[in-house]
Amino acid sequence: KSGQADGINGESLLLDIQKLQEKRDMLDKEISQLISEGYNVDELEDHISQLHEYNDIKDIGQMLLGKLAVIRGVTTKELYPEFGLDMND
């Protein structure tokens, strides 16, 4: 009864389990497709790691541009040409 009082019941748990199993199956298919395209798990993990590192570095760069913009009293957008950045960067 305490589970039902918390809004959790067997039916909702079974639905959650089913959704997780479907997601696992979808991810397994994606992994199989990538492997069939010539990728391997180690390369994919390395690529993901590099993407995380890139995003961290980009976030730091954005933070620094923001601080510089405040110091100069301009917008971050105005600093992009000075540093050779594209608005899509």
N, C-alpha and C. Protein backbone atom coordinates (compact mmCIF):
# COMPACT_ATOMS: atom_id res chain seq x y z
N LYS A 1 0.81 -1.20 0.00
CA LYS A 1 0.00 0.00 0.00
C LYS A 1 0.85 1.26 0.00
N SER A 2 2.01 1.21 0.67
CA SER A 2 2.84 2.41 0.70
C SER A 2 3.30 2.79 -0.70
N GLY A 3 3.53 1.80 -1.56
CA GLY A 3 3.90 2.10 -2.94
C GLY A 3 2.79 2.81 -3.67
N GLN A 4 1.54 2.40 -3.42
CA GLN A 4 0.40 3.04 -4.05
C GLN A 4 0.20 4.44 -3.50
N ALA A 5 0.50 4.64 -2.23
CA ALA A 5 0.36 5.96 -1.63
C ALA A 5 1.36 6.93 -2.25
N ASP A 6 2.49 6.42 -2.68
CA ASP A 6 3.50 7.26 -3.31
C ASP A 6 3.24 7.42 -4.81
N GLY A 7 2.14 6.91 -5.31
CA GLY A 7 1.82 7.03 -6.72
C GLY A 7 2.49 5.98 -7.58
N ILE A 8 3.02 4.96 -6.95
CA ILE A 8 3.71 3.90 -7.69
C ILE A 8 2.86 2.64 -7.57
N ASN A 9 2.57 2.03 -8.72
CA ASN A 9 1.86 0.76 -8.67
C ASN A 9 2.49 -0.20 -9.66
N GLY A 10 2.09 -1.41 -9.57
CA GLY A 10 2.68 -2.45 -10.40
C GLY A 10 2.52 -2.17 -11.89
N GLU A 11 1.37 -1.63 -12.26
CA GLU A 11 1.12 -1.36 -13.68
C GLU A 11 2.07 -0.31 -14.23
N SER A 12 2.30 0.76 -13.47
CA SER A 12 3.20 1.82 -13.95
C SER A 12 4.65 1.32 -13.98
N LEU A 13 5.00 0.45 -13.04
CA LEU A 13 6.35 -0.12 -13.05
C LEU A 13 6.55 -1.01 -14.27
N LEU A 14 5.54 -1.81 -14.60
CA LEU A 14 5.63 -2.66 -15.79
C LEU A 14 5.75 -1.82 -17.06
N LEU A 15 5.03 -0.71 -17.11
CA LEU A 15 5.11 0.19 -18.26
C LEU A 15 6.50 0.80 -18.36
N ASP A 16 7.06 1.21 -17.23
CA ASP A 16 8.43 1.76 -17.21
C ASP A 16 9.44 0.73 -17.69
N ILE A 17 9.28 -0.50 -17.24
CA ILE A 17 10.18 -1.58 -17.65
C ILE A 17 10.08 -1.81 -19.15
N GLN A 18 8.86 -1.81 -19.66
CA GLN A 18 8.65 -2.02 -21.10
C GLN A 18 9.31 -0.90 -21.91
N LYS A 19 9.15 0.34 -21.46
CA LYS A 19 9.76 1.47 -22.17
C LYS A 19 11.28 1.37 -22.15
N LEU A 20 11.85 0.98 -21.01
CA LEU A 20 13.30 0.82 -20.92
C LEU A 20 13.80 -0.31 -21.83
N GLN A 21 13.04 -1.40 -21.91
CA GLN A 21 13.43 -2.51 -22.78
C GLN A 21 13.38 -2.07 -24.24
N GLU A 22 12.37 -1.29 -24.61
CA GLU A 22 12.26 -0.79 -25.98
C GLU A 22 13.42 0.14 -26.30
N LYS A 23 13.78 0.98 -25.34
CA LYS A 23 14.91 1.89 -25.55
C LYS A 23 16.21 1.10 -25.70
N ARG A 24 16.39 0.09 -24.86
CA ARG A 24 17.58 -0.76 -24.96
C ARG A 24 17.65 -1.43 -26.33
N ASP A 25 16.52 -1.95 -26.81
CA ASP A 25 16.48 -2.60 -28.12
C ASP A 25 16.84 -1.62 -29.23
N MET A 26 16.32 -0.39 -29.13
CA MET A 26 16.61 0.63 -30.13
C MET A 26 18.11 0.96 -30.13
N LEU A 27 18.69 1.12 -28.93
CA LEU A 27 20.11 1.42 -28.83
C LEU A 27 20.96 0.26 -29.35
N ASP A 28 20.54 -0.97 -29.06
CA ASP A 28 21.26 -2.14 -29.57
C ASP A 28 21.26 -2.14 -31.10
N LYS A 29 20.12 -1.76 -31.72
CA LYS A 29 20.04 -1.70 -33.17
C LYS A 29 20.97 -0.62 -33.72
N GLU A 30 20.99 0.54 -33.05
CA GLU A 30 21.88 1.62 -33.48
C GLU A 30 23.35 1.19 -33.40
N ILE A 31 23.70 0.51 -32.32
CA ILE A 31 25.07 0.02 -32.16
C ILE A 31 25.40 -0.97 -33.25
N SER A 32 24.50 -1.88 -33.53
CA SER A 32 24.72 -2.88 -34.59
C SER A 32 24.91 -2.21 -35.94
N GLN A 33 24.11 -1.18 -36.21
CA GLN A 33 24.22 -0.46 -37.48
C GLN A 33 25.59 0.23 -37.58
N LEU A 34 26.02 0.88 -36.52
CA LEU A 34 27.32 1.56 -36.53
C LEU A 34 28.45 0.55 -36.72
N ILE A 35 28.36 -0.59 -36.07
CA ILE A 35 29.38 -1.63 -36.22
C ILE A 35 29.39 -2.13 -37.66
N SER A 36 28.20 -2.31 -38.26
CA SER A 36 28.15 -2.77 -39.65
C SER A 36 28.70 -1.73 -40.61
N GLU A 37 28.72 -0.45 -40.20
CA GLU A 37 29.29 0.62 -41.03
C GLU A 37 30.79 0.75 -40.83
N GLY A 38 31.37 -0.12 -39.99
CA GLY A 38 32.81 -0.13 -39.84
C GLY A 38 33.33 0.51 -38.56
N TYR A 39 32.45 0.99 -37.73
CA TYR A 39 32.89 1.56 -36.46
C TYR A 39 33.09 0.43 -35.46
N ASN A 40 33.93 0.69 -34.45
CA ASN A 40 34.01 -0.28 -33.37
C ASN A 40 33.77 0.45 -32.06
N VAL A 41 33.46 -0.30 -31.04
CA VAL A 41 33.04 0.28 -29.76
C VAL A 41 34.11 1.19 -29.18
N ASP A 42 35.38 0.77 -29.25
CA ASP A 42 36.45 1.60 -28.70
C ASP A 42 36.54 2.94 -29.42
N GLU A 43 36.41 2.92 -30.76
CA GLU A 43 36.45 4.17 -31.52
C GLU A 43 35.28 5.07 -31.14
N LEU A 44 34.10 4.48 -31.00
CA LEU A 44 32.92 5.26 -30.64
C LEU A 44 33.08 5.88 -29.26
N GLU A 45 33.58 5.10 -28.30
CA GLU A 45 33.78 5.63 -26.95
C GLU A 45 34.81 6.76 -26.97
N ASP A 46 35.86 6.60 -27.78
CA ASP A 46 36.88 7.65 -27.90
C ASP A 46 36.28 8.90 -28.53
N HIS A 47 35.47 8.71 -29.55
CA HIS A 47 34.82 9.84 -30.22
C HIS A 47 33.90 10.59 -29.26
N ILE A 48 33.13 9.86 -28.49
CA ILE A 48 32.23 10.47 -27.51
C ILE A 48 33.03 11.24 -26.47
N SER A 49 34.13 10.65 -26.02
CA SER A 49 35.00 11.32 -25.06
C SER A 49 35.54 12.63 -25.63
N GLN A 50 35.97 12.59 -26.89
CA GLN A 50 36.49 13.79 -27.54
C GLN A 50 35.40 14.86 -27.69
N LEU A 51 34.17 14.44 -27.99
CA LEU A 51 33.07 15.40 -28.10
C LEU A 51 32.79 16.07 -26.75
N HIS A 52 32.85 15.30 -25.68
CA HIS A 52 32.66 15.88 -24.34
C HIS A 52 33.75 16.90 -24.04
N GLU A 53 34.99 16.55 -24.38
CA GLU A 53 36.11 17.47 -24.13
C GLU A 53 35.95 18.74 -24.96
N TYR A 54 35.56 18.58 -26.22
CA TYR A 54 35.32 19.74 -27.09
C TYR A 54 34.25 20.65 -26.49
N ASN A 55 33.15 20.06 -26.07
CA ASN A 55 32.06 20.85 -25.50
C ASN A 55 32.50 21.57 -24.22
N ASP A 56 33.30 20.91 -23.39
CA ASP A 56 33.81 21.56 -22.18
C ASP A 56 34.69 22.76 -22.53
N ILE A 57 35.56 22.57 -23.52
CA ILE A 57 36.45 23.66 -23.94
C ILE A 57 35.64 24.80 -24.54
N LYS A 58 34.65 24.46 -25.35
CA LYS A 58 33.80 25.49 -25.96
C LYS A 58 33.06 26.28 -24.88
N ASP A 59 32.54 25.58 -23.86
CA ASP A 59 31.85 26.26 -22.76
C ASP A 59 32.78 27.22 -22.04
N ILE A 60 34.01 26.82 -21.82
CA ILE A 60 34.99 27.69 -21.16
C ILE A 60 35.27 28.91 -22.03
N GLY A 61 35.42 28.69 -23.34
CA GLY A 61 35.64 29.81 -24.25
C GLY A 61 34.48 30.79 -24.24
N GLN A 62 33.26 30.27 -24.22
CA GLN A 62 32.09 31.14 -24.16
C GLN A 62 32.06 31.94 -22.86
N MET A 63 32.44 31.29 -21.77
CA MET A 63 32.47 31.98 -20.48
C MET A 63 33.50 33.11 -20.51
N LEU A 64 34.67 32.82 -21.07
CA LEU A 64 35.72 33.84 -21.15
C LEU A 64 35.29 35.00 -22.05
N LEU A 65 34.66 34.69 -23.18
CA LEU A 65 34.16 35.76 -24.05
C LEU A 65 33.13 36.61 -23.32
N GLY A 66 32.27 35.96 -22.55
CA GLY A 66 31.26 36.69 -21.79
C GLY A 66 31.89 37.63 -20.78
N LYS A 67 32.90 37.16 -20.08
CA LYS A 67 33.58 38.00 -19.08
C LYS A 67 34.29 39.17 -19.76
N LEU A 68 34.95 38.90 -20.89
CA LEU A 68 35.63 39.96 -21.62
C LEU A 68 34.63 40.99 -22.14
N ALA A 69 33.49 40.52 -22.60
CA ALA A 69 32.46 41.44 -23.09
C ALA A 69 31.98 42.35 -21.96
N VAL A 70 31.81 41.81 -20.76
CA VAL A 70 31.39 42.62 -19.62
C VAL A 70 32.45 43.67 -19.30
N ILE A 71 33.70 43.24 -19.29
CA ILE A 71 34.81 44.17 -18.98
C ILE A 71 34.84 45.31 -19.99
N ARG A 72 34.65 44.97 -21.28
CA ARG A 72 34.72 45.98 -22.34
C ARG A 72 33.41 46.74 -22.52
N GLY A 73 32.36 46.24 -21.92
CA GLY A 73 31.06 46.90 -22.06
C GLY A 73 30.44 46.71 -23.44
N VAL A 74 30.69 45.55 -24.02
CA VAL A 74 30.12 45.23 -25.33
C VAL A 74 29.39 43.89 -25.22
N THR A 75 28.75 43.51 -26.32
CA THR A 75 28.10 42.19 -26.33
C THR A 75 29.11 41.14 -26.76
N THR A 76 28.83 39.92 -26.41
CA THR A 76 29.68 38.81 -26.82
C THR A 76 29.73 38.73 -28.35
N LYS A 77 28.60 38.98 -28.98
CA LYS A 77 28.50 38.93 -30.44
C LYS A 77 29.49 39.90 -31.08
N GLU A 78 29.69 41.04 -30.46
CA GLU A 78 30.61 42.04 -31.01
C GLU A 78 32.07 41.57 -30.96
N LEU A 79 32.39 40.62 -30.10
CA LEU A 79 33.76 40.12 -29.98
C LEU A 79 34.10 39.06 -31.02
N TYR A 80 33.10 38.42 -31.58
CA TYR A 80 33.35 37.32 -32.52
C TYR A 80 34.28 37.70 -33.67
N PRO A 81 34.04 38.81 -34.38
CA PRO A 81 34.95 39.14 -35.49
C PRO A 81 36.39 39.38 -35.03
N GLU A 82 36.55 39.97 -33.86
CA GLU A 82 37.89 40.26 -33.35
C GLU A 82 38.71 38.99 -33.17
N PHE A 83 38.05 37.89 -32.83
CA PHE A 83 38.74 36.63 -32.59
C PHE A 83 38.57 35.64 -33.75
N GLY A 84 38.04 36.13 -34.86
CA GLY A 84 37.88 35.28 -36.03
C GLY A 84 36.86 34.17 -35.87
N LEU A 85 35.84 34.42 -35.06
CA LEU A 85 34.82 33.41 -34.80
C LEU A 85 33.60 33.64 -35.68
N ASP A 86 32.98 32.56 -36.07
CA ASP A 86 31.73 32.61 -36.81
C ASP A 86 30.59 32.50 -35.81
N MET A 87 29.48 33.12 -36.11
CA MET A 87 28.34 33.06 -35.18
C MET A 87 27.84 31.63 -34.98
N ASN A 88 28.17 30.73 -35.90
CA ASN A 88 27.76 29.34 -35.76
C ASN A 88 28.75 28.51 -34.94
N ASP A 89 29.85 29.13 -34.53
CA ASP A 89 30.85 28.41 -33.72
C ASP A 89 30.34 28.19 -32.32
